[in-house]
C-alpha atoms as a PDB file:
ATOM      1  CA  MET A   1     190.056 163.477 128.334  1.00  0.00           C
ATOM      2  CA  THR A   2     191.231 161.423 125.438  1.00  0.00           C
ATOM      3  CA  ARG A   3     189.356 159.103 123.502  1.00  0.00           C
ATOM      4  CA  ARG A   4     190.966 155.860 125.164  1.00  0.00           C
ATOM      5  CA  ALA A   5     190.215 157.278 128.613  1.00  0.00           C
ATOM      6  CA  ALA A   6     186.689 157.861 127.874  1.00  0.00           C
ATOM      7  CA  ARG A   7     186.529 154.367 126.352  1.00  0.00           C
ATOM      8  CA  ASN A   8     187.776 152.876 129.276  1.00  0.00           C
ATOM      9  CA  TRP A   9     185.644 154.551 131.626  1.00  0.00           C
ATOM     10  CA  LEU A  10     182.497 153.782 129.692  1.00  0.00           C
ATOM     11  CA  TRP A  11     183.394 150.143 129.337  1.00  0.00           C
ATOM     12  CA  LEU A  12     184.092 149.925 133.043  1.00  0.00           C
ATOM     13  CA  GLY A  13     180.841 151.725 133.748  1.00  0.00           C
ATOM     14  CA  SER A  14     178.847 149.385 131.375  1.00  0.00           C
ATOM     15  CA  MET A  15     180.171 146.237 133.111  1.00  0.00           C
ATOM     16  CA  PHE A  16     178.850 147.269 136.209  1.00  0.00           C
ATOM     17  CA  VAL A  17     175.415 148.781 135.390  1.00  0.00           C
ATOM     18  CA  LEU A  18     174.140 147.728 131.881  1.00  0.00           C
ATOM     19  CA  PRO A  19     171.412 144.937 132.265  1.00  0.00           C
ATOM     20  CA  LEU A  20     172.184 142.120 129.964  1.00  0.00           C
ATOM     21  CA  PRO A  21     170.419 138.999 129.645  1.00  0.00           C
ATOM     22  CA  PHE A  22     172.003 135.604 130.570  1.00  0.00           C
ATOM     23  CA  PHE A  23     171.318 131.969 129.740  1.00  0.00           C
ATOM     24  CA  LEU A  24     171.777 129.059 132.135  1.00  0.00           C
ATOM     25  CA  MET A  25     169.442 126.711 133.874  1.00  0.00           C
ATOM     26  CA  LEU A  26     167.437 129.897 134.299  1.00  0.00           C
ATOM     27  CA  THR A  27     167.215 133.107 132.421  1.00  0.00           C
ATOM     28  CA  GLY A  28     167.841 136.502 134.045  1.00  0.00           C
ATOM     29  CA  VAL A  29     169.034 140.172 133.368  1.00  0.00           C
ATOM     30  CA  VAL A  30     171.985 141.097 135.432  1.00  0.00           C
ATOM     31  CA  PRO A  31     175.275 143.170 134.914  1.00  0.00           C
ATOM     32  CA  LEU A  32     178.516 141.734 133.523  1.00  0.00           C
ATOM     33  CA  VAL A  33     180.126 141.727 136.993  1.00  0.00           C
ATOM     34  CA  ARG A  34     177.629 139.601 138.401  1.00  0.00           C
ATOM     35  CA  LEU A  35     177.658 137.181 135.390  1.00  0.00           C
ATOM     36  CA  ALA A  36     181.566 137.100 136.062  1.00  0.00           C
ATOM     37  CA  MET A  37     180.831 136.643 139.770  1.00  0.00           C
ATOM     38  CA  PHE A  38     178.676 133.526 138.843  1.00  0.00           C
ATOM     39  CA  GLY A  39     181.267 132.091 136.560  1.00  0.00           C
ATOM     40  CA  ALA A  40     183.880 132.241 139.087  1.00  0.00           C
ATOM     41  CA  ILE A  41     181.880 130.667 141.874  1.00  0.00           C
ATOM     42  CA  HIS A  42     181.074 127.787 139.416  1.00  0.00           C
ATOM     43  CA  LEU A  43     184.740 127.612 137.964  1.00  0.00           C
ATOM     44  CA  TYR A  44     185.930 127.173 141.889  1.00  0.00           C
ATOM     45  CA  LEU A  45     183.557 124.551 142.612  1.00  0.00           C
ATOM     46  CA  ALA A  46     184.324 122.743 139.063  1.00  0.00           C
ATOM     47  CA  VAL A  47     188.168 122.816 140.305  1.00  0.00           C
ATOM     48  CA  SER A  48     187.185 121.603 143.638  1.00  0.00           C
ATOM     49  CA  GLU A  49     184.925 119.002 142.809  1.00  0.00           C
ATOM     50  CA  GLY A  50     186.117 117.975 139.369  1.00  0.00           C
ATOM     51  CA  PHE A  51     184.864 118.750 135.795  1.00  0.00           C
ATOM     52  CA  GLY A  52     182.554 115.928 135.777  1.00  0.00           C
ATOM     53  CA  GLY A  53     178.816 116.071 134.917  1.00  0.00           C
ATOM     54  CA  ALA A  54     176.971 119.174 134.028  1.00  0.00           C
ATOM     55  CA  ILE A  55     179.212 121.715 135.875  1.00  0.00           C
ATOM     56  CA  ALA A  56     181.650 121.738 132.778  1.00  0.00           C
ATOM     57  CA  LEU A  57     178.907 122.839 130.497  1.00  0.00           C
ATOM     58  CA  VAL A  58     177.790 125.339 133.082  1.00  0.00           C
ATOM     59  CA  VAL A  59     181.320 126.837 133.724  1.00  0.00           C
ATOM     60  CA  GLY A  60     181.672 126.770 129.611  1.00  0.00           C
ATOM     61  CA  LEU A  61     178.465 128.664 129.146  1.00  0.00           C
ATOM     62  CA  LEU A  62     178.894 131.398 131.601  1.00  0.00           C
ATOM     63  CA  ILE A  63     182.709 131.976 130.471  1.00  0.00           C
ATOM     64  CA  LEU A  64     181.528 132.420 126.789  1.00  0.00           C
ATOM     65  CA  GLN A  65     178.735 134.680 127.745  1.00  0.00           C
ATOM     66  CA  VAL A  66     181.325 136.715 129.828  1.00  0.00           C
ATOM     67  CA  ILE A  67     183.727 136.784 127.009  1.00  0.00           C
ATOM     68  CA  ALA A  68     180.936 137.662 124.539  1.00  0.00           C
ATOM     69  CA  TYR A  69     179.666 140.545 126.370  1.00  0.00           C
ATOM     70  CA  ALA A  70     182.860 142.198 127.316  1.00  0.00           C
ATOM     71  CA  GLY A  71     183.798 142.277 123.786  1.00  0.00           C
ATOM     72  CA  LEU A  72     180.399 143.446 122.741  1.00  0.00           C
ATOM     73  CA  LEU A  73     180.390 146.211 125.839  1.00  0.00           C
ATOM     74  CA  TRP A  74     183.951 147.092 124.782  1.00  0.00           C
ATOM     75  CA  LEU A  75     182.644 147.753 120.915  1.00  0.00           C
ATOM     76  CA  LEU A  76     179.859 149.896 122.483  1.00  0.00           C
ATOM     77  CA  ALA A  77     182.290 151.825 124.404  1.00  0.00           C
ATOM     78  CA  HIS A  78     184.356 152.364 121.991  1.00  0.00           C
ATOM     79  CA  LEU A  79     182.038 153.584 119.305  1.00  0.00           C
ATOM     80  CA  LEU A  80     180.358 156.010 122.082  1.00  0.00           C
ATOM     81  CA  ALA A  81     183.620 157.606 122.916  1.00  0.00           C
ATOM     82  CA  GLY A  82     184.397 158.159 119.238  1.00  0.00           C
ATOM     83  CA  VAL A  83     181.091 159.945 119.099  1.00  0.00           C
ATOM     84  CA  LEU A  84     181.552 161.956 122.139  1.00  0.00           C
ATOM     85  CA  VAL A  85     185.320 163.070 120.677  1.00  0.00           C
ATOM     86  CA  ARG A  86     184.178 163.689 117.300  1.00  0.00           C
ATOM     87  CA  PHE A  87     181.096 165.958 118.423  1.00  0.00           C
ATOM     88  CA  ALA A  88     181.974 167.514 121.618  1.00  0.00           C
ATOM     89  CA  PRO A  89     185.734 167.277 121.968  1.00  0.00           C
ATOM     90  CA  ARG A  90     185.843 169.800 124.789  1.00  0.00           C
ATOM     91  CA  ARG A  91     183.295 168.098 126.952  1.00  0.00           C
ATOM     92  CA  VAL A  92     184.408 164.436 126.515  1.00  0.00           C
ATOM     93  CA  ALA A  93     185.298 164.379 130.557  1.00  0.00           C
ATOM     94  CA  PHE A  94     182.016 165.868 131.247  1.00  0.00           C
ATOM     95  CA  LEU A  95     179.709 163.839 129.121  1.00  0.00           C
ATOM     96  CA  THR A  96     181.260 160.678 130.196  1.00  0.00           C
ATOM     97  CA  ALA A  97     180.786 161.537 133.798  1.00  0.00           C
ATOM     98  CA  MET A  98     177.191 162.444 132.982  1.00  0.00           C
ATOM     99  CA  LEU A  99     176.482 159.295 131.268  1.00  0.00           C
ATOM    100  CA  LEU A 100     178.075 156.700 133.869  1.00  0.00           C
ATOM    101  CA  GLY A 101     176.139 159.058 136.704  1.00  0.00           C
ATOM    102  CA  ILE A 102     172.911 158.874 135.007  1.00  0.00           C
ATOM    103  CA  SER A 103     173.283 155.150 134.458  1.00  0.00           C
ATOM    104  CA  VAL A 104     174.235 154.544 138.056  1.00  0.00           C
ATOM    105  CA  TRP A 105     171.141 156.422 139.320  1.00  0.00           C
ATOM    106  CA  MET A 106     168.949 154.777 136.795  1.00  0.00           C
ATOM    107  CA  ALA A 107     170.046 151.364 138.093  1.00  0.00           C
ATOM    108  CA  MET A 108     169.661 152.243 141.620  1.00  0.00           C
ATOM    109  CA  VAL A 109     166.304 154.083 141.656  1.00  0.00           C
ATOM    110  CA  PHE A 110     164.599 151.747 139.151  1.00  0.00           C
ATOM    111  CA  GLU A 111     164.651 147.902 139.049  1.00  0.00           C
ATOM    112  CA  PRO A 112     166.105 147.000 135.767  1.00  0.00           C
ATOM    113  CA  TYR A 113     167.507 143.465 136.881  1.00  0.00           C
ATOM    114  CA  ARG A 114     165.965 140.184 136.813  1.00  0.00           C
ATOM    115  CA  LEU A 115     167.494 137.902 139.413  1.00  0.00           C
ATOM    116  CA  PRO A 116     166.277 134.264 139.212  1.00  0.00           C
ATOM    117  CA  PHE A 117     168.307 132.745 141.986  1.00  0.00           C
ATOM    118  CA  ARG A 118     167.103 135.497 144.723  1.00  0.00           C
ATOM    119  CA  ALA A 119     164.663 134.125 147.334  1.00  0.00           C
ATOM    120  CA  GLU A 120     162.574 137.417 147.959  1.00  0.00           C
ATOM    121  CA  SER A 121     161.636 139.176 144.532  1.00  0.00           C
ATOM    122  CA  THR A 122     162.893 138.308 141.221  1.00  0.00           C
ATOM    123  CA  ARG A 123     163.242 141.811 140.426  1.00  0.00           C
ATOM    124  CA  GLY A 124     166.031 144.275 141.770  1.00  0.00           C
ATOM    125  CA  ASN A 125     168.024 147.365 141.367  1.00  0.00           C
ATOM    126  CA  LEU A 126     171.722 147.986 141.779  1.00  0.00           C
ATOM    127  CA  LEU A 127     172.238 147.524 145.325  1.00  0.00           C
ATOM    128  CA  ALA A 128     169.941 143.930 145.393  1.00  0.00           C
ATOM    129  CA  ILE A 129     172.148 142.260 142.909  1.00  0.00           C
ATOM    130  CA  PHE A 130     174.953 141.818 145.223  1.00  0.00           C
ATOM    131  CA  GLU A 131     173.271 140.945 148.210  1.00  0.00           C
END
């Protein structure tokens, strides 16, 4: 596996699994994909209802956070892929798959996410964030 492929897989996996804080009316800790989904829903509402009032601020904050976190995760994946290629060039695919597998397992077994807009419990695992 090349460094580029490892970086892309690590970046994609981190966007779906890594808990990141977000700041809006309430704060929470969710993966980037969930934050992007919030942004897409609010952008749709803003386009259909008009960009008046607080919706423009909410959409702007969500888009800024998604862009900033995507860049930060890309940089982190780039650095981690470089370390994997440098220290274990023959096992890059295995180590990348192991890192992603362990991350998904931990996100499903434990409850690393804090979901402020959820009615039941504010803590959740990977399966609970897309309910």
